[in-house]
Amino acid sequence: MYLEGVKSPHPNMATAPSGATQQFVPVKEIRNGVIVLKDGGYRGVLICSSINFGLKSADEQRAITLGFQNFLNTIDFSVQIVVNSRKMDLRPYLALLEEKAPGQKTELMRIQLREYIEFVRSFTDHANIMTKSFYIVVPYAPRVSAARAVGFLRKGNASAQSAAAESSFEEDRAQLEQRLMLIASSLSGTGVRAVPLGTEEVIELMYRSFNPGELENPIRLDN
């Protein structure tokens, strides 16, 4: 799936003219959860859970610190840690509460629910409630072997070239997935869960990244 052909997750939203922003985006396509860059490099994305370090005991903090140190010593390639902060949109939550208000069994419960809705609405009007998402971007640079190069240079059989390209992609994706699993396994020692994003989740993440003004539902880890 090519980035130029990816539509907004929200069909009712207006999209920018084709070519207006694509030239600044170094992404060629998003395929099987893998970001393929225009320079041929691959990127995989892990979404990570968070832990409240300040609420841990001294022993737990030391264990987490040692676990993170072991994580850094385990990997022999660079990674990018991304923290995405956004204002939380509570309007869908308030709308859901308002729908449930008439169905409350007693008048007291209806009054309490209305007061709660007004409290949340008033609080959010005076304070920015932020939500943070944590990601690790893992790179991989495909290596073109001599056999692959010969396959790509063949001009007499288009189907053979397509098969060779597909085989090459799957081999490189397997290498990238090994890196993703290594990082997820290493982070588990710190109490952090890391899960690879799928194709649709990567598309949504990139759409939100390049459209910061849009209010989106956050990507969450499955229970």
C-alpha atoms as a PDB file:
ATOM      1  CA  MET A   1       0.000   0.000   0.000  1.00  0.00           C
ATOM      2  CA  TYR A   2       1.644   3.186  -1.160  1.00  0.00           C
ATOM      3  CA  LEU A   3       1.558   6.252   1.027  1.00  0.00           C
ATOM      4  CA  GLU A   4       0.338   8.413  -1.867  1.00  0.00           C
ATOM      5  CA  GLY A   5      -2.722   6.170  -2.077  1.00  0.00           C
ATOM      6  CA  VAL A   6      -3.476   6.079   1.639  1.00  0.00           C
ATOM      7  CA  LYS A   7      -6.667   7.897   2.525  1.00  0.00           C
ATOM      8  CA  SER A   8      -7.460   9.597   5.778  1.00  0.00           C
ATOM      9  CA  PRO A   9      -8.822   7.292   8.502  1.00  0.00           C
ATOM     10  CA  HIS A  10     -11.753   9.713   8.550  1.00  0.00           C
ATOM     11  CA  PRO A  11     -13.445   9.902   5.126  1.00  0.00           C
ATOM     12  CA  ASN A  12     -15.272  13.130   5.955  1.00  0.00           C
ATOM     13  CA  MET A  13     -12.036  15.032   6.492  1.00  0.00           C
ATOM     14  CA  ALA A  14     -10.666  17.111   3.670  1.00  0.00           C
ATOM     15  CA  THR A  15      -7.366  15.858   2.316  1.00  0.00           C
ATOM     16  CA  ALA A  16      -4.454  17.943   1.143  1.00  0.00           C
ATOM     17  CA  PRO A  17      -3.822  18.184  -2.617  1.00  0.00           C
ATOM     18  CA  SER A  18      -1.747  15.328  -3.984  1.00  0.00           C
ATOM     19  CA  GLY A  19       1.948  16.165  -3.974  1.00  0.00           C
ATOM     20  CA  ALA A  20       1.569  19.078  -1.530  1.00  0.00           C
ATOM     21  CA  THR A  21       3.187  17.238   1.375  1.00  0.00           C
ATOM     22  CA  GLN A  22       4.344  13.892  -0.047  1.00  0.00           C
ATOM     23  CA  GLN A  23       7.590  15.393  -1.241  1.00  0.00           C
ATOM     24  CA  PHE A  24       8.543  16.103   2.372  1.00  0.00           C
ATOM     25  CA  VAL A  25       7.589  12.617   3.613  1.00  0.00           C
ATOM     26  CA  PRO A  26      10.448  10.115   3.188  1.00  0.00           C
ATOM     27  CA  VAL A  27       8.045   7.164   3.028  1.00  0.00           C
ATOM     28  CA  LYS A  28       7.489   5.167  -0.133  1.00  0.00           C
ATOM     29  CA  GLU A  29       4.939   2.656   1.128  1.00  0.00           C
ATOM     30  CA  ILE A  30       3.609   0.884   4.209  1.00  0.00           C
ATOM     31  CA  ARG A  31       3.490  -2.848   3.714  1.00  0.00           C
ATOM     32  CA  ASN A  32       2.721  -5.637   6.190  1.00  0.00           C
ATOM     33  CA  GLY A  33       3.360  -3.281   9.086  1.00  0.00           C
ATOM     34  CA  VAL A  34       6.725  -2.208   7.654  1.00  0.00           C
ATOM     35  CA  ILE A  35       7.513   1.371   6.659  1.00  0.00           C
ATOM     36  CA  VAL A  36       9.509   1.331   3.431  1.00  0.00           C
ATOM     37  CA  LEU A  37      11.466   4.535   2.932  1.00  0.00           C
ATOM     38  CA  LYS A  38      12.256   6.139  -0.399  1.00  0.00           C
ATOM     39  CA  ASP A  39      15.949   5.362   0.089  1.00  0.00           C
ATOM     40  CA  GLY A  40      15.151   1.625   0.453  1.00  0.00           C
ATOM     41  CA  GLY A  41      15.442   1.443   4.240  1.00  0.00           C
ATOM     42  CA  TYR A  42      12.876  -0.278   6.445  1.00  0.00           C
ATOM     43  CA  ARG A  43      11.339   0.869   9.719  1.00  0.00           C
ATOM     44  CA  GLY A  44       9.293  -1.084  12.245  1.00  0.00           C
ATOM     45  CA  VAL A  45       7.355   0.570  15.080  1.00  0.00           C
ATOM     46  CA  LEU A  46       6.693  -0.760  18.580  1.00  0.00           C
ATOM     47  CA  ILE A  47       4.103   0.812  20.858  1.00  0.00           C
ATOM     48  CA  CYS A  48       5.169   0.575  24.491  1.00  0.00           C
ATOM     49  CA  SER A  49       3.334   0.617  27.783  1.00  0.00           C
ATOM     50  CA  SER A  50       4.428   2.987  30.523  1.00  0.00           C
ATOM     51  CA  ILE A  51       5.411   2.558  34.154  1.00  0.00           C
ATOM     52  CA  ASN A  52       5.346   5.138  36.950  1.00  0.00           C
ATOM     53  CA  PHE A  53       8.965   5.098  38.058  1.00  0.00           C
ATOM     54  CA  GLY A  54       8.348   7.611  40.860  1.00  0.00           C
ATOM     55  CA  LEU A  55       5.845   5.348  42.616  1.00  0.00           C
ATOM     56  CA  LYS A  56       8.192   2.359  42.705  1.00  0.00           C
ATOM     57  CA  SER A  57      10.197   1.394  45.759  1.00  0.00           C
ATOM     58  CA  ALA A  58      13.949   1.941  45.817  1.00  0.00           C
ATOM     59  CA  ASP A  59      14.607  -1.723  45.058  1.00  0.00           C
ATOM     60  CA  GLU A  60      12.132  -1.689  42.180  1.00  0.00           C
ATOM     61  CA  GLN A  61      13.698   1.455  40.766  1.00  0.00           C
ATOM     62  CA  ARG A  62      17.135  -0.132  40.842  1.00  0.00           C
ATOM     63  CA  ALA A  63      15.777  -3.236  39.119  1.00  0.00           C
ATOM     64  CA  ILE A  64      14.160  -1.126  36.400  1.00  0.00           C
ATOM     65  CA  THR A  65      17.354   0.873  35.906  1.00  0.00           C
ATOM     66  CA  LEU A  66      19.422  -2.304  35.603  1.00  0.00           C
ATOM     67  CA  GLY A  67      16.858  -3.768  33.234  1.00  0.00           C
ATOM     68  CA  PHE A  68      17.059  -0.715  30.998  1.00  0.00           C
ATOM     69  CA  GLN A  69      20.843  -0.852  31.117  1.00  0.00           C
ATOM     70  CA  ASN A  70      20.697  -4.482  29.989  1.00  0.00           C
ATOM     71  CA  PHE A  71      18.318  -3.473  27.205  1.00  0.00           C
ATOM     72  CA  LEU A  72      20.800  -0.877  25.930  1.00  0.00           C
ATOM     73  CA  ASN A  73      23.656  -3.380  26.104  1.00  0.00           C
ATOM     74  CA  THR A  74      21.645  -6.014  24.231  1.00  0.00           C
ATOM     75  CA  ILE A  75      21.000  -4.098  21.016  1.00  0.00           C
ATOM     76  CA  ASP A  76      23.806  -3.434  18.537  1.00  0.00           C
ATOM     77  CA  PHE A  77      21.826  -1.081  16.304  1.00  0.00           C
ATOM     78  CA  SER A  78      20.360   2.359  16.759  1.00  0.00           C
ATOM     79  CA  VAL A  79      16.719   2.931  17.695  1.00  0.00           C
ATOM     80  CA  GLN A  80      14.554   6.016  18.061  1.00  0.00           C
ATOM     81  CA  ILE A  81      12.363   6.534  21.123  1.00  0.00           C
ATOM     82  CA  VAL A  82       9.366   8.742  20.378  1.00  0.00           C
ATOM     83  CA  VAL A  83       7.055  10.265  23.004  1.00  0.00           C
ATOM     84  CA  ASN A  84       3.843  11.595  21.504  1.00  0.00           C
ATOM     85  CA  SER A  85       1.893  14.045  23.698  1.00  0.00           C
ATOM     86  CA  ARG A  86      -1.613  15.081  22.706  1.00  0.00           C
ATOM     87  CA  LYS A  87      -4.551  16.787  24.333  1.00  0.00           C
ATOM     88  CA  MET A  88      -7.144  14.203  25.280  1.00  0.00           C
ATOM     89  CA  ASP A  89     -10.513  14.610  23.599  1.00  0.00           C
ATOM     90  CA  LEU A  90     -13.204  13.811  26.179  1.00  0.00           C
ATOM     91  CA  ARG A  91     -16.162  14.870  24.030  1.00  0.00           C
ATOM     92  CA  PRO A  92     -17.053  11.290  22.967  1.00  0.00           C
ATOM     93  CA  TYR A  93     -16.947  10.228  26.632  1.00  0.00           C
ATOM     94  CA  LEU A  94     -19.219  13.098  27.689  1.00  0.00           C
ATOM     95  CA  ALA A  95     -21.593  12.388  24.814  1.00  0.00           C
ATOM     96  CA  LEU A  96     -21.830   8.755  25.936  1.00  0.00           C
ATOM     97  CA  LEU A  97     -22.663   9.832  29.496  1.00  0.00           C
ATOM     98  CA  GLU A  98     -25.336  12.214  28.248  1.00  0.00           C
ATOM     99  CA  GLU A  99     -26.930   9.381  26.272  1.00  0.00           C
ATOM    100  CA  LYS A 100     -27.053   7.210  29.381  1.00  0.00           C
ATOM    101  CA  ALA A 101     -28.466   9.927  31.665  1.00  0.00           C
ATOM    102  CA  PRO A 102     -32.151   9.488  30.740  1.00  0.00           C
ATOM    103  CA  GLY A 103     -31.919   5.738  31.331  1.00  0.00           C
ATOM    104  CA  GLN A 104     -30.885   6.002  34.971  1.00  0.00           C
ATOM    105  CA  LYS A 105     -33.277   4.242  37.363  1.00  0.00           C
ATOM    106  CA  THR A 106     -33.698   7.043  39.911  1.00  0.00           C
ATOM    107  CA  GLU A 107     -33.848  10.821  39.752  1.00  0.00           C
ATOM    108  CA  LEU A 108     -30.953  11.020  42.212  1.00  0.00           C
ATOM    109  CA  MET A 109     -28.702   9.027  39.881  1.00  0.00           C
ATOM    110  CA  ARG A 110     -29.714  11.246  36.951  1.00  0.00           C
ATOM    111  CA  ILE A 111     -28.868  14.376  38.936  1.00  0.00           C
ATOM    112  CA  GLN A 112     -25.513  12.974  40.065  1.00  0.00           C
ATOM    113  CA  LEU A 113     -24.640  11.972  36.508  1.00  0.00           C
ATOM    114  CA  ARG A 114     -25.492  15.438  35.171  1.00  0.00           C
ATOM    115  CA  GLU A 115     -23.387  17.053  37.897  1.00  0.00           C
ATOM    116  CA  TYR A 116     -20.494  14.736  37.048  1.00  0.00           C
ATOM    117  CA  ILE A 117     -20.781  15.623  33.351  1.00  0.00           C
ATOM    118  CA  GLU A 118     -20.727  19.338  34.157  1.00  0.00           C
ATOM    119  CA  PHE A 119     -17.742  18.860  36.477  1.00  0.00           C
ATOM    120  CA  VAL A 120     -15.721  17.038  33.808  1.00  0.00           C
ATOM    121  CA  ARG A 121     -16.687  19.607  31.149  1.00  0.00           C
ATOM    122  CA  SER A 122     -15.749  22.524  33.403  1.00  0.00           C
ATOM    123  CA  PHE A 123     -12.490  20.881  34.443  1.00  0.00           C
ATOM    124  CA  THR A 124     -11.393  20.188  30.865  1.00  0.00           C
ATOM    125  CA  ASP A 125     -12.217  23.785  29.868  1.00  0.00           C
ATOM    126  CA  HIS A 126      -9.708  25.099  32.413  1.00  0.00           C
ATOM    127  CA  ALA A 127      -7.006  22.402  32.231  1.00  0.00           C
ATOM    128  CA  ASN A 128      -5.239  20.618  29.423  1.00  0.00           C
ATOM    129  CA  ILE A 129      -5.494  16.875  30.023  1.00  0.00           C
ATOM    130  CA  MET A 130      -2.714  15.281  28.050  1.00  0.00           C
ATOM    131  CA  THR A 131      -2.234  11.712  26.955  1.00  0.00           C
ATOM    132  CA  LYS A 132       1.177  10.299  26.120  1.00  0.00           C
ATOM    133  CA  SER A 133       2.019   7.446  23.784  1.00  0.00           C
ATOM    134  CA  PHE A 134       5.441   5.823  23.660  1.00  0.00           C
ATOM    135  CA  TYR A 135       6.979   4.297  20.543  1.00  0.00           C
ATOM    136  CA  ILE A 136      10.279   2.751  19.515  1.00  0.00           C
ATOM    137  CA  VAL A 137      11.213   3.016  15.848  1.00  0.00           C
ATOM    138  CA  VAL A 138      13.509   0.201  14.721  1.00  0.00           C
ATOM    139  CA  PRO A 139      15.566   0.571  11.513  1.00  0.00           C
ATOM    140  CA  TYR A 140      16.810  -2.046   9.105  1.00  0.00           C
ATOM    141  CA  ALA A 141      18.876  -1.519   5.959  1.00  0.00           C
ATOM    142  CA  PRO A 142      18.328  -4.336   3.424  1.00  0.00           C
ATOM    143  CA  ARG A 143      21.464  -5.861   1.984  1.00  0.00           C
ATOM    144  CA  VAL A 144      21.341  -6.564  -1.739  1.00  0.00           C
ATOM    145  CA  SER A 145      23.201  -9.800  -2.440  1.00  0.00           C
ATOM    146  CA  ALA A 146      24.675 -10.737  -5.805  1.00  0.00           C
ATOM    147  CA  ALA A 147      21.857 -13.222  -6.459  1.00  0.00           C
ATOM    148  CA  ARG A 148      19.246 -10.571  -5.755  1.00  0.00           C
ATOM    149  CA  ALA A 149      21.012  -8.058  -7.965  1.00  0.00           C
ATOM    150  CA  VAL A 150      21.002 -10.500 -10.874  1.00  0.00           C
ATOM    151  CA  GLY A 151      17.298 -11.169 -10.325  1.00  0.00           C
ATOM    152  CA  PHE A 152      16.447  -7.479 -10.323  1.00  0.00           C
ATOM    153  CA  LEU A 153      18.489  -6.808 -13.449  1.00  0.00           C
ATOM    154  CA  ARG A 154      16.755  -9.470 -15.496  1.00  0.00           C
ATOM    155  CA  LYS A 155      14.538  -7.761 -18.037  1.00  0.00           C
ATOM    156  CA  GLY A 156      13.119 -10.711 -19.951  1.00  0.00           C
ATOM    157  CA  ASN A 157      10.657 -11.993 -17.341  1.00  0.00           C
ATOM    158  CA  ALA A 158       8.542  -9.490 -15.400  1.00  0.00           C
ATOM    159  CA  SER A 159       6.897 -12.181 -13.259  1.00  0.00           C
ATOM    160  CA  ALA A 160      10.320 -13.481 -12.213  1.00  0.00           C
ATOM    161  CA  GLN A 161      11.358  -9.983 -11.192  1.00  0.00           C
ATOM    162  CA  SER A 162       8.168  -9.563  -9.167  1.00  0.00           C
ATOM    163  CA  ALA A 163       8.707 -12.913  -7.432  1.00  0.00           C
ATOM    164  CA  ALA A 164      12.325 -12.014  -6.669  1.00  0.00           C
ATOM    165  CA  ALA A 165      11.282  -8.648  -5.236  1.00  0.00           C
ATOM    166  CA  GLU A 166       8.604 -10.294  -3.063  1.00  0.00           C
ATOM    167  CA  SER A 167      11.069 -12.897  -1.804  1.00  0.00           C
ATOM    168  CA  SER A 168      13.585 -10.179  -1.026  1.00  0.00           C
ATOM    169  CA  PHE A 169      11.005  -8.170   0.920  1.00  0.00           C
ATOM    170  CA  GLU A 170       9.935 -11.161   2.999  1.00  0.00           C
ATOM    171  CA  GLU A 171      13.549 -12.010   3.871  1.00  0.00           C
ATOM    172  CA  ASP A 172      14.250  -8.432   4.942  1.00  0.00           C
ATOM    173  CA  ARG A 173      10.985  -8.207   6.874  1.00  0.00           C
ATOM    174  CA  ALA A 174      11.940 -11.353   8.782  1.00  0.00           C
ATOM    175  CA  GLN A 175      15.229  -9.713   9.784  1.00  0.00           C
ATOM    176  CA  LEU A 176      13.381  -6.587  10.934  1.00  0.00           C
ATOM    177  CA  GLU A 177      10.895  -8.671  12.927  1.00  0.00           C
ATOM    178  CA  GLN A 178      13.790 -10.362  14.712  1.00  0.00           C
ATOM    179  CA  ARG A 179      14.985  -6.939  15.810  1.00  0.00           C
ATOM    180  CA  LEU A 180      11.493  -6.004  16.988  1.00  0.00           C
ATOM    181  CA  MET A 181      11.186  -9.206  19.004  1.00  0.00           C
ATOM    182  CA  LEU A 182      14.635  -8.673  20.504  1.00  0.00           C
ATOM    183  CA  ILE A 183      13.675  -5.214  21.728  1.00  0.00           C
ATOM    184  CA  ALA A 184      10.302  -6.385  23.059  1.00  0.00           C
ATOM    185  CA  SER A 185      11.975  -9.230  24.935  1.00  0.00           C
ATOM    186  CA  SER A 186      14.688  -6.975  26.348  1.00  0.00           C
ATOM    187  CA  LEU A 187      12.202  -4.348  27.522  1.00  0.00           C
ATOM    188  CA  SER A 188      10.142  -6.943  29.360  1.00  0.00           C
ATOM    189  CA  GLY A 189      12.868  -6.979  32.005  1.00  0.00           C
ATOM    190  CA  THR A 190      11.961  -3.374  32.881  1.00  0.00           C
ATOM    191  CA  GLY A 191       8.233  -4.086  33.139  1.00  0.00           C
ATOM    192  CA  VAL A 192       7.491  -2.389  29.803  1.00  0.00           C
ATOM    193  CA  ARG A 193       5.349  -4.228  27.251  1.00  0.00           C
ATOM    194  CA  ALA A 194       6.146  -3.564  23.599  1.00  0.00           C
ATOM    195  CA  VAL A 195       3.905  -4.631  20.711  1.00  0.00           C
ATOM    196  CA  PRO A 196       4.595  -4.138  16.980  1.00  0.00           C
ATOM    197  CA  LEU A 197       2.112  -1.966  15.112  1.00  0.00           C
ATOM    198  CA  GLY A 198       0.240  -3.424  12.158  1.00  0.00           C
ATOM    199  CA  THR A 199      -0.290  -1.750   8.800  1.00  0.00           C
ATOM    200  CA  GLU A 200      -3.483   0.118   9.703  1.00  0.00           C
ATOM    201  CA  GLU A 201      -2.016   1.278  13.017  1.00  0.00           C
ATOM    202  CA  VAL A 202       1.131   2.558  11.320  1.00  0.00           C
ATOM    203  CA  ILE A 203      -0.981   4.436   8.758  1.00  0.00           C
ATOM    204  CA  GLU A 204      -3.060   5.996  11.541  1.00  0.00           C
ATOM    205  CA  LEU A 205       0.052   6.957  13.494  1.00  0.00           C
ATOM    206  CA  MET A 206       1.640   8.613  10.478  1.00  0.00           C
ATOM    207  CA  TYR A 207      -1.582  10.399   9.564  1.00  0.00           C
ATOM    208  CA  ARG A 208      -1.810  11.859  13.060  1.00  0.00           C
ATOM    209  CA  SER A 209       1.879  12.786  13.008  1.00  0.00           C
ATOM    210  CA  PHE A 210       1.493  14.800   9.806  1.00  0.00           C
ATOM    211  CA  ASN A 211      -1.937  16.176  10.794  1.00  0.00           C
ATOM    212  CA  PRO A 212      -1.392  17.322  14.395  1.00  0.00           C
ATOM    213  CA  GLY A 213      -4.504  19.474  14.394  1.00  0.00           C
ATOM    214  CA  GLU A 214      -6.848  16.517  14.028  1.00  0.00           C
ATOM    215  CA  LEU A 215      -8.332  14.856  17.105  1.00  0.00           C
ATOM    216  CA  GLU A 216      -7.847  11.104  16.912  1.00  0.00           C
ATOM    217  CA  ASN A 217      -8.568   8.146  19.113  1.00  0.00           C
ATOM    218  CA  PRO A 218      -5.309   6.894  20.645  1.00  0.00           C
ATOM    219  CA  ILE A 219      -3.730   3.603  19.640  1.00  0.00           C
ATOM    220  CA  ARG A 220      -3.874   1.301  22.653  1.00  0.00           C
ATOM    221  CA  LEU A 221      -2.275  -1.971  23.577  1.00  0.00           C
ATOM    222  CA  ASP A 222      -4.641  -4.925  23.526  1.00  0.00           C
ATOM    223  CA  ASN A 223      -5.263  -6.568  26.871  1.00  0.00           C
END
